[in-house]
Amino acid sequence: MTDITYTIAEHDGGWAYKLGDVFSETYPSHDAALAAAQRAAAEQQVAGETTGISYEDAKGQWREEIAAGDDRPTTHVVDSQ
């Protein structure tokens, strides 16, 4: 199972949450960014439908696979404050 961790960080004059090196939109307060990260983490755990997906990999090759709707990640929110 995949493990996803969102972190809260100062960003662009406000606060945001990060997944890896990618920032969310900027929020005016730490609490707003934390609440948004908690919502995003909860939504990641909601099961969906099994469906086909296609994506381009790091080498520029297009891939197709089946994404199981019940294969949801474990999520965490890390707040350094």
N, C-alpha and C. Protein backbone atom coordinates (compact mmCIF):
# COMPACT_ATOMS: atom_id res chain seq x y z
N MET A 1 0.84 -1.17 0.00
CA MET A 1 0.00 0.00 0.00
C MET A 1 0.89 1.24 0.00
N THR A 2 0.47 2.26 -0.69
CA THR A 2 1.19 3.52 -0.80
C THR A 2 0.95 4.37 0.45
N ASP A 3 1.99 5.07 0.86
CA ASP A 3 1.92 5.95 2.02
C ASP A 3 2.16 7.38 1.53
N ILE A 4 1.23 8.29 1.81
CA ILE A 4 1.32 9.68 1.37
C ILE A 4 1.40 10.58 2.59
N THR A 5 2.36 11.51 2.59
CA THR A 5 2.49 12.45 3.70
C THR A 5 2.44 13.88 3.17
N TYR A 6 1.49 14.63 3.67
CA TYR A 6 1.38 16.06 3.39
C TYR A 6 2.09 16.79 4.51
N THR A 7 2.86 17.83 4.16
CA THR A 7 3.52 18.65 5.18
C THR A 7 3.06 20.09 5.04
N ILE A 8 3.01 20.79 6.16
CA ILE A 8 2.61 22.20 6.18
C ILE A 8 3.88 23.04 6.12
N ALA A 9 3.87 24.08 5.27
CA ALA A 9 5.07 24.90 5.11
C ALA A 9 4.69 26.34 4.75
N GLU A 10 5.56 27.27 5.12
CA GLU A 10 5.38 28.65 4.66
C GLU A 10 5.66 28.67 3.16
N HIS A 11 4.84 29.43 2.45
CA HIS A 11 4.99 29.45 0.99
C HIS A 11 4.38 30.71 0.40
N ASP A 12 5.14 31.40 -0.41
CA ASP A 12 4.66 32.51 -1.22
C ASP A 12 3.88 33.55 -0.40
N GLY A 13 4.43 33.91 0.76
CA GLY A 13 3.80 34.94 1.59
C GLY A 13 2.67 34.44 2.47
N GLY A 14 2.46 33.14 2.51
CA GLY A 14 1.40 32.56 3.34
C GLY A 14 1.79 31.16 3.75
N TRP A 15 0.81 30.28 3.75
CA TRP A 15 1.03 28.89 4.14
C TRP A 15 0.45 27.97 3.08
N ALA A 16 1.03 26.77 2.96
CA ALA A 16 0.56 25.77 2.00
C ALA A 16 0.82 24.39 2.57
N TYR A 17 0.27 23.39 1.90
CA TYR A 17 0.68 22.03 2.21
C TYR A 17 1.43 21.49 1.02
N LYS A 18 2.33 20.56 1.27
CA LYS A 18 3.20 20.00 0.23
C LYS A 18 3.03 18.50 0.17
N LEU A 19 3.15 17.97 -1.01
CA LEU A 19 3.27 16.54 -1.22
C LEU A 19 4.53 16.37 -2.06
N GLY A 20 5.57 15.83 -1.43
CA GLY A 20 6.87 15.79 -2.10
C GLY A 20 7.39 17.20 -2.29
N ASP A 21 7.69 17.58 -3.53
CA ASP A 21 8.17 18.93 -3.82
C ASP A 21 7.09 19.84 -4.37
N VAL A 22 5.84 19.39 -4.37
CA VAL A 22 4.75 20.14 -4.97
C VAL A 22 3.91 20.82 -3.89
N PHE A 23 3.75 22.14 -4.04
CA PHE A 23 2.96 22.93 -3.10
C PHE A 23 1.52 23.04 -3.55
N SER A 24 0.63 23.14 -2.58
CA SER A 24 -0.77 23.46 -2.86
C SER A 24 -0.86 24.95 -3.16
N GLU A 25 -2.08 25.42 -3.32
CA GLU A 25 -2.28 26.86 -3.39
C GLU A 25 -1.87 27.46 -2.04
N THR A 26 -1.67 28.76 -2.01
CA THR A 26 -1.27 29.44 -0.79
C THR A 26 -2.51 29.83 0.01
N TYR A 27 -2.45 29.61 1.31
CA TYR A 27 -3.53 29.96 2.22
C TYR A 27 -3.06 31.10 3.12
N PRO A 28 -3.98 31.94 3.59
CA PRO A 28 -3.57 33.11 4.38
C PRO A 28 -3.06 32.78 5.78
N SER A 29 -3.40 31.60 6.29
CA SER A 29 -2.96 31.26 7.65
C SER A 29 -2.50 29.81 7.73
N HIS A 30 -1.74 29.55 8.76
CA HIS A 30 -1.28 28.20 9.02
C HIS A 30 -2.48 27.27 9.24
N ASP A 31 -3.45 27.71 10.03
CA ASP A 31 -4.61 26.88 10.32
C ASP A 31 -5.42 26.53 9.07
N ALA A 32 -5.52 27.48 8.15
CA ALA A 32 -6.24 27.22 6.90
C ALA A 32 -5.52 26.18 6.05
N ALA A 33 -4.19 26.27 5.99
CA ALA A 33 -3.40 25.28 5.24
C ALA A 33 -3.50 23.91 5.89
N LEU A 34 -3.46 23.87 7.21
CA LEU A 34 -3.58 22.60 7.92
C LEU A 34 -4.93 21.96 7.67
N ALA A 35 -6.00 22.74 7.74
CA ALA A 35 -7.34 22.21 7.48
C ALA A 35 -7.46 21.69 6.05
N ALA A 36 -6.88 22.41 5.09
CA ALA A 36 -6.91 21.97 3.69
C ALA A 36 -6.14 20.68 3.51
N ALA A 37 -4.99 20.55 4.16
CA ALA A 37 -4.21 19.32 4.08
C ALA A 37 -4.96 18.14 4.68
N GLN A 38 -5.64 18.37 5.78
CA GLN A 38 -6.42 17.31 6.41
C GLN A 38 -7.58 16.87 5.51
N ARG A 39 -8.22 17.84 4.82
CA ARG A 39 -9.28 17.49 3.86
C ARG A 39 -8.72 16.67 2.69
N ALA A 40 -7.58 17.12 2.16
CA ALA A 40 -6.96 16.41 1.03
C ALA A 40 -6.58 14.98 1.44
N ALA A 41 -6.02 14.83 2.63
CA ALA A 41 -5.64 13.51 3.13
C ALA A 41 -6.85 12.60 3.28
N ALA A 42 -7.94 13.15 3.79
CA ALA A 42 -9.17 12.36 3.96
C ALA A 42 -9.75 11.95 2.61
N GLU A 43 -9.73 12.86 1.64
CA GLU A 43 -10.27 12.56 0.31
C GLU A 43 -9.46 11.48 -0.40
N GLN A 44 -8.15 11.42 -0.15
CA GLN A 44 -7.31 10.40 -0.77
C GLN A 44 -7.71 8.99 -0.34
N GLN A 45 -8.35 8.87 0.81
CA GLN A 45 -8.69 7.56 1.35
C GLN A 45 -10.06 7.07 0.91
N VAL A 46 -10.83 7.90 0.21
CA VAL A 46 -12.17 7.53 -0.24
C VAL A 46 -12.06 6.61 -1.45
N ALA A 47 -12.69 5.47 -1.36
CA ALA A 47 -12.68 4.52 -2.49
C ALA A 47 -13.45 5.09 -3.67
N GLY A 48 -13.06 4.66 -4.84
CA GLY A 48 -13.73 5.08 -6.07
C GLY A 48 -14.04 3.88 -6.93
N GLU A 49 -14.17 4.11 -8.22
CA GLU A 49 -14.47 3.03 -9.16
C GLU A 49 -13.16 2.50 -9.77
N THR A 50 -13.15 1.23 -10.06
CA THR A 50 -12.04 0.65 -10.80
C THR A 50 -12.17 1.12 -12.25
N THR A 51 -11.07 1.64 -12.79
CA THR A 51 -11.13 2.22 -14.13
C THR A 51 -9.78 2.12 -14.82
N GLY A 52 -9.77 2.25 -16.10
CA GLY A 52 -8.53 2.28 -16.87
C GLY A 52 -7.94 3.67 -16.84
N ILE A 53 -6.62 3.76 -16.74
CA ILE A 53 -5.94 5.05 -16.79
C ILE A 53 -4.81 4.97 -17.79
N SER A 54 -4.45 6.12 -18.33
CA SER A 54 -3.26 6.21 -19.19
C SER A 54 -2.44 7.39 -18.70
N TYR A 55 -1.11 7.25 -18.76
CA TYR A 55 -0.23 8.29 -18.29
C TYR A 55 1.10 8.19 -19.02
N GLU A 56 1.83 9.29 -19.02
CA GLU A 56 3.15 9.33 -19.64
C GLU A 56 4.19 9.15 -18.54
N ASP A 57 5.09 8.18 -18.70
CA ASP A 57 6.10 7.94 -17.67
C ASP A 57 7.29 8.89 -17.84
N ALA A 58 8.26 8.78 -16.96
CA ALA A 58 9.42 9.68 -16.96
C ALA A 58 10.24 9.59 -18.24
N LYS A 59 10.13 8.49 -18.98
CA LYS A 59 10.88 8.32 -20.23
C LYS A 59 10.07 8.77 -21.46
N GLY A 60 8.87 9.32 -21.23
CA GLY A 60 8.05 9.80 -22.33
C GLY A 60 7.20 8.73 -22.99
N GLN A 61 7.14 7.55 -22.40
CA GLN A 61 6.33 6.45 -22.93
C GLN A 61 4.93 6.50 -22.32
N TRP A 62 3.92 6.30 -23.15
CA TRP A 62 2.55 6.26 -22.63
C TRP A 62 2.25 4.86 -22.12
N ARG A 63 1.66 4.79 -20.96
CA ARG A 63 1.31 3.53 -20.29
C ARG A 63 -0.19 3.49 -20.06
N GLU A 64 -0.72 2.28 -20.07
CA GLU A 64 -2.12 2.06 -19.74
C GLU A 64 -2.19 0.96 -18.69
N GLU A 65 -3.03 1.17 -17.70
CA GLU A 65 -3.22 0.16 -16.66
C GLU A 65 -4.58 0.33 -16.02
N ILE A 66 -4.93 -0.64 -15.23
CA ILE A 66 -6.19 -0.59 -14.49
C ILE A 66 -5.90 -0.08 -13.09
N ALA A 67 -6.65 0.92 -12.66
CA ALA A 67 -6.52 1.46 -11.30
C ALA A 67 -7.68 0.93 -10.48
N ALA A 68 -7.37 0.14 -9.47
CA ALA A 68 -8.41 -0.41 -8.60
C ALA A 68 -8.98 0.70 -7.73
N GLY A 69 -10.29 0.83 -7.70
CA GLY A 69 -10.94 1.88 -6.94
C GLY A 69 -10.82 1.71 -5.44
N ASP A 70 -10.51 0.51 -5.00
CA ASP A 70 -10.39 0.29 -3.56
C ASP A 70 -8.95 0.26 -3.08
N ASP A 71 -8.00 0.55 -3.96
CA ASP A 71 -6.58 0.55 -3.61
C ASP A 71 -6.17 1.97 -3.21
N ARG A 72 -6.51 2.36 -2.00
CA ARG A 72 -6.29 3.71 -1.53
C ARG A 72 -5.05 3.80 -0.65
N PRO A 73 -4.36 4.93 -0.68
CA PRO A 73 -3.15 5.08 0.12
C PRO A 73 -3.45 5.33 1.59
N THR A 74 -2.45 5.13 2.41
CA THR A 74 -2.49 5.58 3.79
C THR A 74 -1.97 7.01 3.78
N THR A 75 -2.67 7.93 4.46
CA THR A 75 -2.27 9.33 4.40
C THR A 75 -1.93 9.86 5.80
N HIS A 76 -1.04 10.86 5.80
CA HIS A 76 -0.62 11.52 7.03
C HIS A 76 -0.48 13.01 6.75
N VAL A 77 -0.67 13.81 7.79
CA VAL A 77 -0.39 15.23 7.72
C VAL A 77 0.65 15.53 8.80
N VAL A 78 1.77 16.12 8.39
CA VAL A 78 2.84 16.46 9.33
C VAL A 78 2.87 17.97 9.47
N ASP A 79 2.72 18.42 10.70
CA ASP A 79 2.72 19.85 11.00
C ASP A 79 3.90 20.14 11.92
N SER A 80 4.84 20.92 11.46
CA SER A 80 6.05 21.17 12.24
C SER A 80 5.82 22.16 13.38
N GLN A 81 4.67 22.77 13.43
CA GLN A 81 4.40 23.73 14.53
C GLN A 81 3.73 23.08 15.70
